[in-house]
């Protein structure tokens, strides 16, 4: 059975791009007589608001997209992410990084060059080789830190080439089995002292626990599948297939933003648009 999910953050009102993603995920499940899930990714507690979650539900119902209850909220499942961190720690695959962004930038500047990843310069591994005594001393002092995945150790622990099944993207991109690039992002942050998870960690844990079999999302997240596949392997989680689709862009070729009130579903509904016209506006009918 196909199980898909739509996983927005309740930090603003849904816009046309969100509608496009939600409809595709819903329709993929419907065509396979499967299940469509809504997940609220609200670990950003500084920006998440209950009113936006309410609006998400209202917009999806208006579009005619029915989802299963109860809806999973990430903020209610922090223990699941902590358990995943403990598994990574037990395999010695994570380490505390005490570097500030300024210190990382300075280290990269001193090196003269550094490999690039999808998010910019890759972390140079400054804290990877810290002596155990120094790590414990800094932890005991109460210093802030991030927990990073040691990709080299992860690669050795996995001990085999990884890949993922890509079913989307379109005719201009290769579909099918994609080889994973282990070092694409370097030693990514999987948690922080203040928040014991990250986007990448929470996503792979949630998808596994919810039984998601097909991750449908925008093609801007295609490269994120590489590091998420690494985390799945490190945590012995079953890997879903992926369906990365095109993005809905504005007249200038830019992604829509939650700050653009004119294209929120709330505003479009008030302006007289219908669920059918939303499908037409996004190229789905």
Protein backbone atom coordinates (compact mmCIF):
# COMPACT_ATOMS: atom_id res chain seq x y z
CA UNK A 1 0.00 0.00 0.00
CA UNK A 2 1.22 3.49 -0.88
CA UNK A 3 1.47 5.86 2.10
CA UNK A 4 2.27 9.51 1.35
CA UNK A 5 2.45 12.57 3.56
CA UNK A 6 2.23 16.35 3.42
CA UNK A 7 4.39 17.89 6.13
CA UNK A 8 4.14 21.69 6.41
CA UNK A 9 5.49 23.89 9.18
CA UNK A 10 2.80 26.00 10.93
CA UNK A 11 4.77 29.22 10.53
CA UNK A 12 2.47 30.93 8.05
CA UNK A 13 -0.49 30.40 5.73
CA UNK A 14 -0.31 27.84 2.92
CA UNK A 15 0.29 29.23 -0.57
CA UNK A 16 -0.02 27.89 -4.11
CA UNK A 17 3.23 25.96 -3.85
CA UNK A 18 1.99 24.16 -0.76
CA UNK A 19 -1.32 23.39 -2.48
CA UNK A 20 0.54 21.86 -5.42
CA UNK A 21 2.65 19.65 -3.13
CA UNK A 22 -0.32 18.57 -1.03
CA UNK A 23 -2.47 17.72 -4.04
CA UNK A 24 0.30 15.64 -5.64
CA UNK A 25 0.91 13.68 -2.42
CA UNK A 26 -2.83 13.14 -1.98
CA UNK A 27 -3.39 12.06 -5.58
CA UNK A 28 -0.43 9.66 -5.59
CA UNK A 29 -1.95 7.90 -2.58
CA UNK A 30 -5.46 7.97 -4.04
CA UNK A 31 -4.36 6.45 -7.35
CA UNK A 32 -2.73 3.59 -5.44
CA UNK A 33 -5.73 3.15 -3.12
CA UNK A 34 -3.37 4.15 -0.32
CA UNK A 35 -3.18 6.50 2.65
CA UNK A 36 -2.53 10.25 2.77
CA UNK A 37 -1.12 11.66 6.01
CA UNK A 38 -0.76 15.19 7.34
CA UNK A 39 2.21 15.86 9.60
CA UNK A 40 2.80 19.14 11.41
CA UNK A 41 6.52 19.92 11.55
CA UNK A 42 6.48 22.33 14.47
CA UNK A 43 9.91 21.91 16.07
CA UNK A 44 10.58 25.59 15.29
CA UNK A 45 8.73 26.65 18.42
CA UNK A 46 9.79 30.28 18.06
CA UNK A 47 7.77 30.64 14.85
CA UNK A 48 5.11 27.89 14.99
CA UNK A 49 1.61 29.10 15.82
CA UNK A 50 -1.62 27.16 16.55
CA UNK A 51 -3.57 29.51 14.26
CA UNK A 52 -1.46 28.42 11.31
CA UNK A 53 -2.07 24.73 12.06
CA UNK A 54 -5.79 25.46 12.15
CA UNK A 55 -5.48 27.25 8.82
CA UNK A 56 -3.57 24.31 7.31
CA UNK A 57 -6.40 21.98 8.22
CA UNK A 58 -9.00 24.39 6.85
CA UNK A 59 -7.13 24.84 3.56
CA UNK A 60 -6.67 21.11 3.00
CA UNK A 61 -10.32 20.39 3.73
CA UNK A 62 -11.32 23.19 1.34
CA UNK A 63 -9.14 21.64 -1.37
CA UNK A 64 -10.96 18.34 -0.78
CA UNK A 65 -7.89 16.57 0.60
CA UNK A 66 -8.89 14.28 3.45
CA UNK A 67 -6.15 13.09 5.77
CA UNK A 68 -6.01 10.57 8.59
CA UNK A 69 -6.40 11.42 12.25
CA UNK A 70 -4.70 11.79 14.61
CA UNK A 71 -2.22 14.12 12.96
CA UNK A 72 1.39 13.74 14.09
CA UNK A 73 2.95 16.88 15.57
CA UNK A 74 6.71 16.75 15.90
CA UNK A 75 6.67 18.76 19.14
CA UNK A 76 4.76 15.91 20.79
CA UNK A 77 7.32 13.25 19.85
CA UNK A 78 10.67 14.61 20.99
CA UNK A 79 11.31 11.34 22.84
CA UNK A 80 11.38 9.54 19.48
CA UNK A 81 14.16 11.80 18.24
CA UNK A 82 16.06 11.47 21.51
CA UNK A 83 15.90 7.69 21.14
CA UNK A 84 17.35 7.99 17.62
CA UNK A 85 20.17 10.19 18.95
CA UNK A 86 20.98 7.55 21.58
CA UNK A 87 21.23 4.90 18.85
CA UNK A 88 23.65 7.07 16.88
CA UNK A 89 25.67 7.79 20.02
CA UNK A 90 25.82 4.10 20.92
CA UNK A 91 27.44 3.47 17.53
CA UNK A 92 29.83 6.41 18.09
CA UNK A 93 28.48 8.15 14.98
CA UNK A 94 27.86 11.62 16.44
CA UNK A 95 30.04 14.14 18.24
CA UNK A 96 29.52 17.53 19.90
CA UNK A 97 30.62 20.56 17.91
CA UNK A 98 31.25 23.74 19.90
CA UNK A 99 32.05 25.98 16.92
CA UNK A 100 30.05 29.13 16.31
CA UNK A 101 29.15 30.13 12.76
CA UNK A 102 31.78 32.86 12.97
CA UNK A 103 34.46 30.37 14.02
CA UNK A 104 33.52 27.98 11.22
CA UNK A 105 33.72 30.79 8.66
CA UNK A 106 37.13 31.82 10.04
CA UNK A 107 38.42 28.23 9.81
CA UNK A 108 37.27 27.98 6.20
CA UNK A 109 38.94 31.32 5.41
CA UNK A 110 42.22 30.15 6.98
CA UNK A 111 42.13 26.96 4.93
CA UNK A 112 41.88 29.05 1.77
CA UNK A 113 39.39 26.65 0.19
CA UNK A 114 36.72 24.23 1.33
CA UNK A 115 34.38 21.84 -0.47
CA UNK A 116 30.88 23.09 -1.22
CA UNK A 117 27.62 21.31 -0.59
CA UNK A 118 24.01 22.20 -1.39
CA UNK A 119 23.92 24.59 1.59
CA UNK A 120 27.27 26.27 0.95
CA UNK A 121 30.69 25.49 2.44
CA UNK A 122 30.88 22.09 4.13
CA UNK A 123 31.81 22.11 7.81
CA UNK A 124 35.59 21.52 8.02
CA UNK A 125 35.42 19.03 10.90
CA UNK A 126 37.08 21.28 13.47
CA UNK A 127 35.61 19.48 16.51
CA UNK A 128 35.65 15.97 15.03
CA UNK A 129 39.04 15.16 16.50
CA UNK A 130 38.73 16.81 19.90
CA UNK A 131 40.21 14.73 22.70
CA UNK A 132 37.61 13.03 24.87
CA UNK A 133 38.79 14.89 27.99
CA UNK A 134 38.42 18.27 26.26
CA UNK A 135 34.94 17.36 25.00
CA UNK A 136 33.84 16.35 28.48
CA UNK A 137 35.32 19.50 29.97
CA UNK A 138 33.45 21.74 27.55
CA UNK A 139 30.20 19.82 28.02
CA UNK A 140 30.55 20.09 31.80
CA UNK A 141 31.08 23.85 31.50
CA UNK A 142 27.61 24.24 29.97
CA UNK A 143 28.89 25.43 26.60
CA UNK A 144 26.46 25.44 23.70
CA UNK A 145 26.98 22.75 21.09
CA UNK A 146 25.53 21.00 18.10
CA UNK A 147 25.61 17.24 17.60
CA UNK A 148 27.04 16.36 14.20
CA UNK A 149 26.97 13.09 12.28
CA UNK A 150 30.49 11.82 11.59
CA UNK A 151 30.00 10.91 7.94
CA UNK A 152 33.31 9.02 7.66
CA UNK A 153 32.40 6.79 10.61
CA UNK A 154 28.87 6.43 9.27
CA UNK A 155 30.21 5.29 5.92
CA UNK A 156 32.43 2.71 7.60
CA UNK A 157 29.59 1.49 9.82
CA UNK A 158 27.20 1.12 6.88
CA UNK A 159 29.84 -0.74 4.91
CA UNK A 160 28.04 -0.79 1.58
CA UNK A 161 26.97 1.57 -1.20
CA UNK A 162 23.62 3.24 -0.60
CA UNK A 163 20.94 4.28 -3.06
CA UNK A 164 17.35 5.46 -3.16
CA UNK A 165 14.47 4.94 -5.56
CA UNK A 166 13.49 8.16 -7.35
CA UNK A 167 10.11 8.04 -9.11
CA UNK A 168 9.63 11.70 -9.94
CA UNK A 169 11.69 14.66 -11.23
CA UNK A 170 10.50 14.49 -14.85
CA UNK A 171 11.85 13.85 -18.34
CA UNK A 172 14.84 16.23 -18.03
CA UNK A 173 16.16 14.36 -15.00
CA UNK A 174 17.16 10.75 -14.52
CA UNK A 175 14.66 8.59 -12.67
CA UNK A 176 15.16 5.24 -11.01
CA UNK A 177 17.82 4.09 -8.57
CA UNK A 178 20.03 6.97 -7.42
CA UNK A 179 23.48 6.32 -5.86
CA UNK A 180 23.93 8.17 -2.58
CA UNK A 181 26.73 10.72 -2.29
CA UNK A 182 27.80 10.24 1.32
CA UNK A 183 29.84 13.43 1.61
CA UNK A 184 27.39 15.74 -0.14
CA UNK A 185 26.59 17.67 3.05
CA UNK A 186 29.56 16.74 5.23
CA UNK A 187 29.08 16.28 8.99
CA UNK A 188 25.53 17.61 9.24
CA UNK A 189 23.92 18.82 12.46
CA UNK A 190 21.43 16.25 13.78
CA UNK A 191 20.57 18.03 17.05
CA UNK A 192 21.54 20.89 19.32
CA UNK A 193 21.90 21.27 23.05
CA UNK A 194 18.66 23.27 23.15
CA UNK A 195 16.69 21.17 20.63
CA UNK A 196 17.38 17.46 20.50
CA UNK A 197 16.63 17.02 16.82
CA UNK A 198 17.00 18.62 13.42
CA UNK A 199 14.96 18.66 10.24
CA UNK A 200 16.86 15.74 8.71
CA UNK A 201 16.71 13.55 11.82
CA UNK A 202 13.06 14.26 12.58
CA UNK A 203 11.99 13.58 8.98
CA UNK A 204 13.59 10.14 8.74
CA UNK A 205 12.29 9.09 12.17
CA UNK A 206 8.77 10.35 11.42
CA UNK A 207 8.58 8.74 7.98
CA UNK A 208 9.67 5.38 9.41
CA UNK A 209 7.33 5.47 12.40
CA UNK A 210 4.38 6.53 10.24
CA UNK A 211 5.05 3.86 7.63
CA UNK A 212 5.50 6.35 4.78
CA UNK A 213 6.37 4.43 1.62
CA UNK A 214 6.55 7.32 -0.88
CA UNK A 215 7.98 10.72 0.06
CA UNK A 216 6.49 13.27 -2.30
CA UNK A 217 8.01 16.78 -2.21
CA UNK A 218 9.57 19.56 -4.29
CA UNK A 219 12.70 18.94 -6.34
CA UNK A 220 14.54 21.54 -4.25
CA UNK A 221 14.79 18.80 -1.62
CA UNK A 222 16.14 16.14 -3.98
CA UNK A 223 19.71 16.40 -2.65
CA UNK A 224 18.45 16.18 0.95
CA UNK A 225 17.50 12.58 0.13
CA UNK A 226 21.19 11.68 0.10
CA UNK A 227 21.88 12.57 3.73
CA UNK A 228 18.47 11.31 4.86
CA UNK A 229 19.24 7.96 3.25
CA UNK A 230 22.50 7.88 5.26
CA UNK A 231 20.59 8.50 8.50
CA UNK A 232 18.07 5.80 7.61
CA UNK A 233 20.90 3.32 7.17
CA UNK A 234 22.62 4.37 10.42
CA UNK A 235 19.35 3.91 12.31
CA UNK A 236 18.38 0.69 10.50
CA UNK A 237 15.19 2.29 9.18
CA UNK A 238 13.39 1.13 6.07
CA UNK A 239 13.90 3.57 3.20
CA UNK A 240 10.85 4.92 1.37
CA UNK A 241 10.78 5.67 -2.35
CA UNK A 242 10.88 9.32 -3.42
CA UNK A 243 8.86 11.42 -5.82
CA UNK A 244 10.42 14.86 -6.33
CA UNK A 245 8.25 17.14 -8.41
CA UNK A 246 8.62 20.53 -10.01
CA UNK A 247 8.06 23.71 -8.03
CA UNK A 248 5.30 26.23 -8.64
CA UNK A 249 7.05 29.53 -9.32
CA UNK A 250 5.95 33.15 -9.56
CA UNK A 251 6.12 35.28 -12.72
CA UNK A 252 9.80 36.02 -12.05
CA UNK A 253 10.70 32.35 -11.61
CA UNK A 254 10.99 32.45 -7.82
CA UNK A 255 9.53 30.10 -5.23
CA UNK A 256 6.44 31.40 -3.49
CA UNK A 257 6.87 32.66 0.06
CA UNK A 258 4.52 32.61 3.02
CA UNK A 259 5.09 36.36 3.16
CA UNK A 260 3.38 36.75 -0.23
CA UNK A 261 -0.18 37.21 1.01
CA UNK A 262 -1.64 37.42 -2.51
CA UNK A 263 -0.96 33.74 -3.25
CA UNK A 264 -2.02 32.24 0.08
CA UNK A 265 -4.93 29.84 -0.20
CA UNK A 266 -6.74 31.92 2.40
CA UNK A 267 -6.57 35.02 0.20
CA UNK A 268 -7.35 33.16 -3.01
CA UNK A 269 -10.41 31.57 -1.43
CA UNK A 270 -11.64 34.96 -0.25
CA UNK A 271 -11.09 36.29 -3.78
CA UNK A 272 -13.48 33.69 -5.18
CA UNK A 273 -11.10 30.99 -6.38
CA UNK A 274 -12.26 27.37 -6.16
CA UNK A 275 -10.42 24.09 -5.55
CA UNK A 276 -10.69 23.38 -9.28
CA UNK A 277 -9.22 26.76 -10.21
CA UNK A 278 -6.34 26.12 -7.78
CA UNK A 279 -5.57 22.92 -9.65
CA UNK A 280 -5.67 24.87 -12.92
CA UNK A 281 -3.43 27.63 -11.58
CA UNK A 282 -0.83 25.07 -10.53
CA UNK A 283 -0.98 23.19 -13.83
CA UNK A 284 -2.70 20.10 -12.44
CA UNK A 285 -5.79 20.27 -14.64
